[in-house]
Structures are given as structure tokens and as C-alpha cells.
């Protein structure tokens, strides 16, 4: 599974845990098992969305597809010496 998704580092695995954990919290909140304040739900939505965007953009760059508009410059690969 790791070779297909690329979840190799601690940060990748932590992001995967968060990406799975947040929808679980939403489901528990929806069923009434736990109560989440609206502010917390908003923060969870923002966090989940940002992590998903980061990993999809990084996946595009690592696979050689051109980066999408708005890709942070820090995610772009270093230029190769001697050419574009």
C-alpha cells in the first residue's frame, strides 16, 4: 500500500491519521454521540481541506505532472543545474 500512496514519513502517516480521524469525528457528531461546537467543526473542515490540497499537489509534482495554479513555490522541485 505504501508504494501506491507514498505515506512513508512520520508526517505523511500523521496526515493520514488526521484525514481519517476528522471524518470519524464528523460522523460521531452527526449521530449525536459527541457534541462539537460549530467553531470546532469549521476548524476541522479547514484543517482537513488544507491537508488534502497539500498532498494532492505534492503527488502531482512527484509524478511529473505540471503543478496546478496556486501551487506554493516551496513544493516545486529545485531547478536542475545547467538547464530549465
Protein backbone atom coordinates (compact mmCIF):
# COMPACT_ATOMS: atom_id res chain seq x y z
CA UNK A 1 0.00 0.00 0.00
CA UNK A 2 2.84 2.42 0.79
CA UNK A 3 4.27 2.23 -2.72
CA UNK A 4 0.98 3.42 -4.23
CA UNK A 5 0.14 6.24 -1.83
CA UNK A 6 3.60 7.33 -0.72
CA UNK A 7 2.85 7.57 3.01
CA UNK A 8 6.44 6.89 4.07
CA UNK A 9 7.43 9.56 6.59
CA UNK A 10 6.08 10.33 10.04
CA UNK A 11 4.44 13.49 8.69
CA UNK A 12 2.71 11.51 5.94
CA UNK A 13 1.37 8.98 8.41
CA UNK A 14 0.25 11.72 10.79
CA UNK A 15 -1.59 13.40 7.91
CA UNK A 16 -3.26 10.09 7.03
CA UNK A 17 -4.35 9.66 10.64
CA UNK A 18 -5.83 13.18 10.64
CA UNK A 19 -7.53 12.62 7.27
CA UNK A 20 -9.24 9.52 8.64
CA UNK A 21 -9.82 10.86 12.16
CA UNK A 22 -11.61 14.07 11.22
CA UNK A 23 -14.42 12.38 9.25
CA UNK A 24 -14.82 9.96 12.17
CA UNK A 25 -15.37 12.97 14.45
CA UNK A 26 -17.88 14.38 11.96
CA UNK A 27 -19.75 11.07 11.87
CA UNK A 28 -19.82 10.81 15.66
CA UNK A 29 -21.04 14.39 15.90
CA UNK A 30 -23.72 13.76 13.29
CA UNK A 31 -25.02 10.75 15.18
CA UNK A 32 -25.11 12.74 18.43
CA UNK A 33 -22.50 10.57 20.15
CA UNK A 34 -20.28 13.61 20.78
CA UNK A 35 -21.01 17.31 20.65
CA UNK A 36 -18.71 19.61 18.68
CA UNK A 37 -19.03 23.38 18.76
CA UNK A 38 -19.61 25.00 15.35
CA UNK A 39 -16.21 26.68 15.63
CA UNK A 40 -14.52 23.31 16.07
CA UNK A 41 -16.36 21.87 13.07
CA UNK A 42 -15.20 24.86 10.99
CA UNK A 43 -11.61 24.40 12.13
CA UNK A 44 -11.76 20.68 11.30
CA UNK A 45 -13.10 21.43 7.82
CA UNK A 46 -10.28 23.92 7.20
CA UNK A 47 -7.62 21.53 8.50
CA UNK A 48 -8.90 18.56 6.52
CA UNK A 49 -9.17 20.60 3.31
CA UNK A 50 -5.66 22.03 3.60
CA UNK A 51 -4.08 18.62 4.20
CA UNK A 52 -5.91 17.13 1.22
CA UNK A 53 -4.81 20.01 -1.03
CA UNK A 54 -1.19 19.73 0.11
CA UNK A 55 -0.96 16.00 -0.57
CA UNK A 56 -2.72 16.09 -3.94
CA UNK A 57 -0.47 18.92 -5.13
CA UNK A 58 2.63 17.15 -3.86
CA UNK A 59 1.52 13.96 -5.59
CA UNK A 60 1.20 15.84 -8.91
CA UNK A 61 4.69 17.29 -8.58
CA UNK A 62 6.28 13.96 -7.61
CA UNK A 63 4.65 12.22 -10.58
CA UNK A 64 5.91 14.77 -13.08
CA UNK A 65 2.60 16.40 -13.96
CA UNK A 66 2.67 20.17 -14.19
CA UNK A 67 1.71 21.93 -10.97
CA UNK A 68 -1.75 23.44 -10.80
CA UNK A 69 -2.34 27.17 -10.49
CA UNK A 70 -1.65 28.32 -6.98
CA UNK A 71 0.85 25.62 -6.07
CA UNK A 72 3.10 27.02 -3.34
CA UNK A 73 6.64 27.67 -4.53
CA UNK A 74 8.00 25.66 -1.61
CA UNK A 75 6.54 22.50 -3.11
CA UNK A 76 8.13 22.99 -6.51
CA UNK A 77 11.22 20.89 -7.23
CA UNK A 78 14.61 22.56 -7.28
CA UNK A 79 15.78 23.59 -10.78
CA UNK A 80 18.35 21.30 -12.33
CA UNK A 81 21.79 22.82 -12.86
CA UNK A 82 22.62 23.65 -16.45
CA UNK A 83 19.10 23.81 -17.81
CA UNK A 84 15.45 24.60 -17.29
